[in-house]
PDB file of N, CA and C in Angstrom:
ATOM      1  N   MET A   1     -49.747   7.273-137.417  1.00  0.00           N
ATOM      2  CA  MET A   1     -50.121   6.540-136.213  1.00  0.00           C
ATOM      3  C   MET A   1     -49.477   6.998-135.096  1.00  0.00           C
ATOM      4  N   LYS A   2     -50.102   7.042-133.980  1.00  0.00           N
ATOM      5  CA  LYS A   2     -49.480   7.483-132.601  1.00  0.00           C
ATOM      6  C   LYS A   2     -48.566   6.734-132.172  1.00  0.00           C
ATOM      7  N   ALA A   3     -47.585   7.060-131.458  1.00  0.00           N
ATOM      8  CA  ALA A   3     -46.454   6.180-131.019  1.00  0.00           C
ATOM      9  C   ALA A   3     -47.120   5.201-129.941  1.00  0.00           C
ATOM     10  N   GLN A   4     -48.049   5.668-129.167  1.00  0.00           N
ATOM     11  CA  GLN A   4     -48.858   4.754-128.175  1.00  0.00           C
ATOM     12  C   GLN A   4     -49.424   3.619-128.928  1.00  0.00           C
ATOM     13  N   THR A   5     -50.075   3.913-130.000  1.00  0.00           N
ATOM     14  CA  THR A   5     -50.852   2.922-130.821  1.00  0.00           C
ATOM     15  C   THR A   5     -49.864   1.867-131.398  1.00  0.00           C
ATOM     16  N   LYS A   6     -48.713   2.451-131.752  1.00  0.00           N
ATOM     17  CA  LYS A   6     -47.607   1.459-132.354  1.00  0.00           C
ATOM     18  C   LYS A   6     -47.165   0.597-131.182  1.00  0.00           C
ATOM     19  N   GLN A   7     -46.940   1.210-129.966  1.00  0.00           N
ATOM     20  CA  GLN A   7     -46.493   0.293-128.876  1.00  0.00           C
ATOM     21  C   GLN A   7     -47.519  -0.658-128.483  1.00  0.00           C
ATOM     22  N   LEU A   8     -48.812  -0.380-128.545  1.00  0.00           N
ATOM     23  CA  LEU A   8     -49.897  -1.234-128.240  1.00  0.00           C
ATOM     24  C   LEU A   8     -49.814  -2.466-129.168  1.00  0.00           C
ATOM     25  N   LEU A   9     -49.683  -2.072-130.445  1.00  0.00           N
ATOM     26  CA  LEU A   9     -49.713  -3.165-131.579  1.00  0.00           C
ATOM     27  C   LEU A   9     -48.552  -4.189-131.282  1.00  0.00           C
ATOM     28  N   ARG A  10     -47.274  -3.509-131.051  1.00  0.00           N
ATOM     29  CA  ARG A  10     -46.163  -4.339-130.863  1.00  0.00           C
ATOM     30  C   ARG A  10     -46.404  -5.162-129.455  1.00  0.00           C
ATOM     31  N   TYR A  11     -47.027  -4.690-128.584  1.00  0.00           N
ATOM     32  CA  TYR A  11     -47.211  -5.586-127.283  1.00  0.00           C
ATOM     33  C   TYR A  11     -48.311  -6.612-127.704  1.00  0.00           C
ATOM     34  N   LEU A  12     -49.228  -6.442-128.382  1.00  0.00           N
ATOM     35  CA  LEU A  12     -50.311  -7.416-128.669  1.00  0.00           C
ATOM     36  C   LEU A  12     -49.792  -8.598-129.759  1.00  0.00           C
ATOM     37  N   ASP A  13     -48.778  -8.029-130.553  1.00  0.00           N
ATOM     38  CA  ASP A  13     -48.087  -8.931-131.547  1.00  0.00           C
ATOM     39  C   ASP A  13     -47.029  -9.769-130.931  1.00  0.00           C
ATOM     40  N   GLY A  14     -46.693  -9.357-129.629  1.00  0.00           N
ATOM     41  CA  GLY A  14     -45.511 -10.146-129.025  1.00  0.00           C
ATOM     42  C   GLY A  14     -44.202  -9.665-129.541  1.00  0.00           C
ATOM     43  N   GLU A  15     -44.145  -8.390-129.917  1.00  0.00           N
ATOM     44  CA  GLU A  15     -42.852  -8.093-130.594  1.00  0.00           C
ATOM     45  C   GLU A  15     -41.869  -7.307-129.712  1.00  0.00           C
ATOM     46  N   MET A  16     -42.332  -7.215-128.449  1.00  0.00           N
ATOM     47  CA  MET A  16     -41.474  -6.572-127.301  1.00  0.00           C
ATOM     48  C   MET A  16     -40.679  -7.569-126.673  1.00  0.00           C
ATOM     49  N   GLY A  17     -39.257  -7.104-126.317  1.00  0.00           N
ATOM     50  CA  GLY A  17     -38.459  -7.964-125.436  1.00  0.00           C
ATOM     51  C   GLY A  17     -39.108  -8.010-124.134  1.00  0.00           C
ATOM     52  N   ALA A  18     -38.522  -8.889-123.152  1.00  0.00           N
ATOM     53  CA  ALA A  18     -39.015  -8.937-121.982  1.00  0.00           C
ATOM     54  C   ALA A  18     -39.107  -7.799-121.093  1.00  0.00           C
ATOM     55  N   ALA A  19     -38.017  -7.021-121.124  1.00  0.00           N
ATOM     56  CA  ALA A  19     -37.868  -5.852-120.312  1.00  0.00           C
ATOM     57  C   ALA A  19     -38.815  -4.693-120.820  1.00  0.00           C
ATOM     58  N   GLU A  20     -38.900  -4.597-122.136  1.00  0.00           N
ATOM     59  CA  GLU A  20     -39.900  -3.539-122.627  1.00  0.00           C
ATOM     60  C   GLU A  20     -41.350  -3.893-122.335  1.00  0.00           C
ATOM     61  N   ALA A  21     -41.681  -5.173-122.473  1.00  0.00           N
ATOM     62  CA  ALA A  21     -42.939  -5.647-122.234  1.00  0.00           C
ATOM     63  C   ALA A  21     -43.268  -5.371-120.615  1.00  0.00           C
ATOM     64  N   ASP A  22     -42.292  -5.593-119.804  1.00  0.00           N
ATOM     65  CA  ASP A  22     -42.560  -5.404-118.329  1.00  0.00           C
ATOM     66  C   ASP A  22     -42.747  -3.884-118.091  1.00  0.00           C
ATOM     67  N   ALA A  23     -41.958  -3.135-118.842  1.00  0.00           N
ATOM     68  CA  ALA A  23     -42.074  -1.569-118.666  1.00  0.00           C
ATOM     69  C   ALA A  23     -43.422  -1.246-119.170  1.00  0.00           C
ATOM     70  N   PHE A  24     -43.937  -1.720-120.258  1.00  0.00           N
ATOM     71  CA  PHE A  24     -45.199  -1.480-120.993  1.00  0.00           C
ATOM     72  C   PHE A  24     -46.388  -1.849-119.967  1.00  0.00           C
ATOM     73  N   ARG A  25     -46.217  -3.042-119.343  1.00  0.00           N
ATOM     74  CA  ARG A  25     -47.254  -3.525-118.471  1.00  0.00           C
ATOM     75  C   ARG A  25     -47.424  -2.532-117.193  1.00  0.00           C
ATOM     76  N   ALA A  26     -46.243  -2.012-116.905  1.00  0.00           N
ATOM     77  CA  ALA A  26     -46.289  -1.188-115.759  1.00  0.00           C
ATOM     78  C   ALA A  26     -47.005   0.246-116.118  1.00  0.00           C
ATOM     79  N   ARG A  27     -46.818   0.622-117.358  1.00  0.00           N
ATOM     80  CA  ARG A  27     -47.523   1.833-117.920  1.00  0.00           C
ATOM     81  C   ARG A  27     -49.029   1.462-117.993  1.00  0.00           C
ATOM     82  N   LEU A  28     -49.416   0.230-118.349  1.00  0.00           N
ATOM     83  CA  LEU A  28     -50.807  -0.206-118.477  1.00  0.00           C
ATOM     84  C   LEU A  28     -51.470  -0.086-117.060  1.00  0.00           C
ATOM     85  N   ALA A  29     -50.678  -0.520-116.061  1.00  0.00           N
ATOM     86  CA  ALA A  29     -51.180  -0.508-114.694  1.00  0.00           C
ATOM     87  C   ALA A  29     -51.598   0.961-114.248  1.00  0.00           C
ATOM     88  N   GLU A  30     -50.859   1.949-114.731  1.00  0.00           N
ATOM     89  CA  GLU A  30     -50.926   3.246-114.257  1.00  0.00           C
ATOM     90  C   GLU A  30     -51.866   4.087-115.168  1.00  0.00           C
ATOM     91  N   SER A  31     -52.166   3.571-116.355  1.00  0.00           N
ATOM     92  CA  SER A  31     -53.166   4.446-117.298  1.00  0.00           C
ATOM     93  C   SER A  31     -54.343   3.800-117.705  1.00  0.00           C
ATOM     94  N   ALA A  32     -55.319   4.289-117.114  1.00  0.00           N
ATOM     95  CA  ALA A  32     -56.739   3.932-117.599  1.00  0.00           C
ATOM     96  C   ALA A  32     -56.961   4.007-119.067  1.00  0.00           C
ATOM     97  N   GLU A  33     -56.644   5.082-119.617  1.00  0.00           N
ATOM     98  CA  GLU A  33     -56.778   5.288-121.066  1.00  0.00           C
ATOM     99  C   GLU A  33     -55.987   4.250-121.863  1.00  0.00           C
ATOM    100  N   LEU A  34     -54.772   4.049-121.545  1.00  0.00           N
ATOM    101  CA  LEU A  34     -54.051   2.961-122.223  1.00  0.00           C
ATOM    102  C   LEU A  34     -54.584   1.630-121.998  1.00  0.00           C
ATOM    103  N   ARG A  35     -55.206   1.283-121.108  1.00  0.00           N
ATOM    104  CA  ARG A  35     -55.845  -0.013-120.632  1.00  0.00           C
ATOM    105  C   ARG A  35     -57.169  -0.126-121.565  1.00  0.00           C
ATOM    106  N   ARG A  36     -57.952   1.115-121.686  1.00  0.00           N
ATOM    107  CA  ARG A  36     -59.072   1.186-122.588  1.00  0.00           C
ATOM    108  C   ARG A  36     -58.699   0.874-123.980  1.00  0.00           C
ATOM    109  N   GLU A  37     -57.658   1.466-124.443  1.00  0.00           N
ATOM    110  CA  GLU A  37     -57.265   1.441-125.884  1.00  0.00           C
ATOM    111  C   GLU A  37     -56.802  -0.185-125.967  1.00  0.00           C
ATOM    112  N   LEU A  38     -56.090  -0.621-125.135  1.00  0.00           N
ATOM    113  CA  LEU A  38     -55.641  -1.987-125.335  1.00  0.00           C
ATOM    114  C   LEU A  38     -56.881  -2.974-125.472  1.00  0.00           C
ATOM    115  N   GLU A  39     -57.870  -2.817-124.559  1.00  0.00           N
ATOM    116  CA  GLU A  39     -59.095  -3.625-124.625  1.00  0.00           C
ATOM    117  C   GLU A  39     -59.722  -3.367-125.803  1.00  0.00           C
ATOM    118  N   GLU A  40     -59.831  -2.262-126.332  1.00  0.00           N
ATOM    119  CA  GLU A  40     -60.596  -1.974-127.627  1.00  0.00           C
ATOM    120  C   GLU A  40     -59.890  -2.700-128.634  1.00  0.00           C
ATOM    121  N   MET A  41     -58.678  -2.682-128.757  1.00  0.00           N
ATOM    122  CA  MET A  41     -57.852  -3.393-129.843  1.00  0.00           C
ATOM    123  C   MET A  41     -58.069  -4.788-129.666  1.00  0.00           C
ATOM    124  N   GLN A  42     -58.205  -5.384-128.436  1.00  0.00           N
ATOM    125  CA  GLN A  42     -58.328  -6.808-128.296  1.00  0.00           C
ATOM    126  C   GLN A  42     -59.700  -7.297-128.709  1.00  0.00           C
ATOM    127  N   ARG A  43     -60.719  -6.390-128.447  1.00  0.00           N
ATOM    128  CA  ARG A  43     -62.084  -6.680-128.994  1.00  0.00           C
ATOM    129  C   ARG A  43     -62.185  -6.657-130.475  1.00  0.00           C
ATOM    130  N   VAL A  44     -61.585  -5.660-131.118  1.00  0.00           N
ATOM    131  CA  VAL A  44     -61.602  -5.575-132.532  1.00  0.00           C
ATOM    132  C   VAL A  44     -60.954  -6.846-133.093  1.00  0.00           C
ATOM    133  N   GLY A  45     -59.760  -7.275-132.569  1.00  0.00           N
ATOM    134  CA  GLY A  45     -59.047  -8.378-132.953  1.00  0.00           C
ATOM    135  C   GLY A  45     -59.807  -9.679-132.811  1.00  0.00           C
ATOM    136  N   ALA A  46     -60.604  -9.817-131.775  1.00  0.00           N
ATOM    137  CA  ALA A  46     -61.475 -10.902-131.633  1.00  0.00           C
ATOM    138  C   ALA A  46     -62.704 -10.947-132.569  1.00  0.00           C
ATOM    139  N   LEU A  47     -63.144  -9.738-132.918  1.00  0.00           N
ATOM    140  CA  LEU A  47     -64.287  -9.813-133.931  1.00  0.00           C
ATOM    141  C   LEU A  47     -63.662 -10.109-135.297  1.00  0.00           C
ATOM    142  N   LEU A  48     -62.518  -9.560-135.571  1.00  0.00           N
ATOM    143  CA  LEU A  48     -61.915  -9.960-136.949  1.00  0.00           C
ATOM    144  C   LEU A  48     -61.603 -11.450-136.965  1.00  0.00           C
ATOM    145  N   ARG A  49     -61.101 -11.938-135.846  1.00  0.00           N
ATOM    146  CA  ARG A  49     -60.850 -13.499-136.032  1.00  0.00           C
ATOM    147  C   ARG A  49     -62.246 -14.242-136.026  1.00  0.00           C
ATOM    148  N   GLY A  50     -63.220 -13.903-135.395  1.00  0.00           N
ATOM    149  CA  GLY A  50     -64.509 -14.543-135.556  1.00  0.00           C
ATOM    150  C   GLY A  50     -65.060 -14.408-136.870  1.00  0.00           C
ATOM    151  N   TRP A  51     -64.928 -13.246-137.579  1.00  0.00           N
ATOM    152  CA  TRP A  51     -65.481 -13.001-138.904  1.00  0.00           C
ATOM    153  C   TRP A  51     -64.645 -13.814-139.827  1.00  0.00           C
ATOM    154  N   ALA A  52     -63.296 -13.957-139.708  1.00  0.00           N
ATOM    155  CA  ALA A  52     -62.457 -14.742-140.505  1.00  0.00           C
ATOM    156  C   ALA A  52     -62.789 -16.126-140.471  1.00  0.00           C
ATOM    157  N   ALA A  53     -63.132 -16.663-139.193  1.00  0.00           N
ATOM    158  CA  ALA A  53     -63.386 -17.999-139.072  1.00  0.00           C
ATOM    159  C   ALA A  53     -64.675 -18.451-139.743  1.00  0.00           C
ATOM    160  N   GLN A  54     -65.687 -17.523-139.682  1.00  0.00           N
ATOM    161  CA  GLN A  54     -66.954 -17.735-140.272  1.00  0.00           C
ATOM    162  C   GLN A  54     -66.862 -17.688-141.826  1.00  0.00           C
ATOM    163  N   ALA A  55     -66.114 -16.663-142.321  1.00  0.00           N
ATOM    164  CA  ALA A  55     -65.889 -16.700-143.708  1.00  0.00           C
ATOM    165  C   ALA A  55     -65.200 -17.969-144.281  1.00  0.00           C
ATOM    166  N   GLU A  56     -64.234 -18.397-143.652  1.00  0.00           N
ATOM    167  CA  GLU A  56     -63.590 -19.729-143.932  1.00  0.00           C
ATOM    168  C   GLU A  56     -64.452 -20.930-144.024  1.00  0.00           C
ATOM    169  N   ALA A  57     -65.322 -20.875-142.901  1.00  0.00           N
ATOM    170  CA  ALA A  57     -66.155 -21.992-142.802  1.00  0.00           C
ATOM    171  C   ALA A  57     -67.135 -22.091-144.009  1.00  0.00           C
ATOM    172  N   GLN A  58     -67.643 -20.884-144.464  1.00  0.00           N
ATOM    173  CA  GLN A  58     -68.550 -20.766-145.458  1.00  0.00           C
ATOM    174  C   GLN A  58     -67.935 -20.868-146.893  1.00  0.00           C
ATOM    175  N   GLY A  59     -66.718 -20.768-146.965  1.00  0.00           N
ATOM    176  CA  GLY A  59     -65.863 -20.939-148.174  1.00  0.00           C
ATOM    177  C   GLY A  59     -66.487 -20.589-149.416  1.00  0.00           C
ATOM    178  N   ASP A  60     -66.649 -21.529-150.248  1.00  0.00           N
ATOM    179  CA  ASP A  60     -67.198 -21.296-151.577  1.00  0.00           C
ATOM    180  C   ASP A  60     -68.576 -20.704-151.734  1.00  0.00           C
ATOM    181  N   SER A  61     -69.407 -20.864-150.735  1.00  0.00           N
ATOM    182  CA  SER A  61     -70.693 -20.210-150.766  1.00  0.00           C
ATOM    183  C   SER A  61     -70.614 -18.708-150.821  1.00  0.00           C
ATOM    184  N   LEU A  62     -69.530 -18.185-150.317  1.00  0.00           N
ATOM    185  CA  LEU A  62     -69.344 -16.662-150.433  1.00  0.00           C
ATOM    186  C   LEU A  62     -69.026 -16.223-151.842  1.00  0.00           C
ATOM    187  N   LEU A  63     -68.565 -17.158-152.689  1.00  0.00           N
ATOM    188  CA  LEU A  63     -68.202 -16.715-153.949  1.00  0.00           C
ATOM    189  C   LEU A  63     -69.387 -16.839-154.992  1.00  0.00           C
ATOM    190  N   GLU A  64     -69.370 -15.947-155.969  1.00  0.00           N
ATOM    191  CA  GLU A  64     -70.576 -16.025-156.881  1.00  0.00           C
ATOM    192  C   GLU A  64     -70.330 -17.100-157.892  1.00  0.00           C
ATOM    193  N   PRO A  65     -71.315 -17.827-158.265  1.00  0.00           N
ATOM    194  CA  PRO A  65     -71.172 -18.831-159.140  1.00  0.00           C
ATOM    195  C   PRO A  65     -70.739 -18.499-160.617  1.00  0.00           C
TER     196      PRO A  65
END
């Protein structure tokens, strides 16, 4: 996994301290590529959360009898 990807994951998971997060946000402001990667990870996360919520709502109907 690329170092940049690891940093994005740590940022999204809230695992950075305040100073590190501020520095990372400064990098985001300067890098269109980094912003695109962050947005893509956010979209994937939202899709996964939606799928998980739908699967939970359907519950037992997803299991074979």
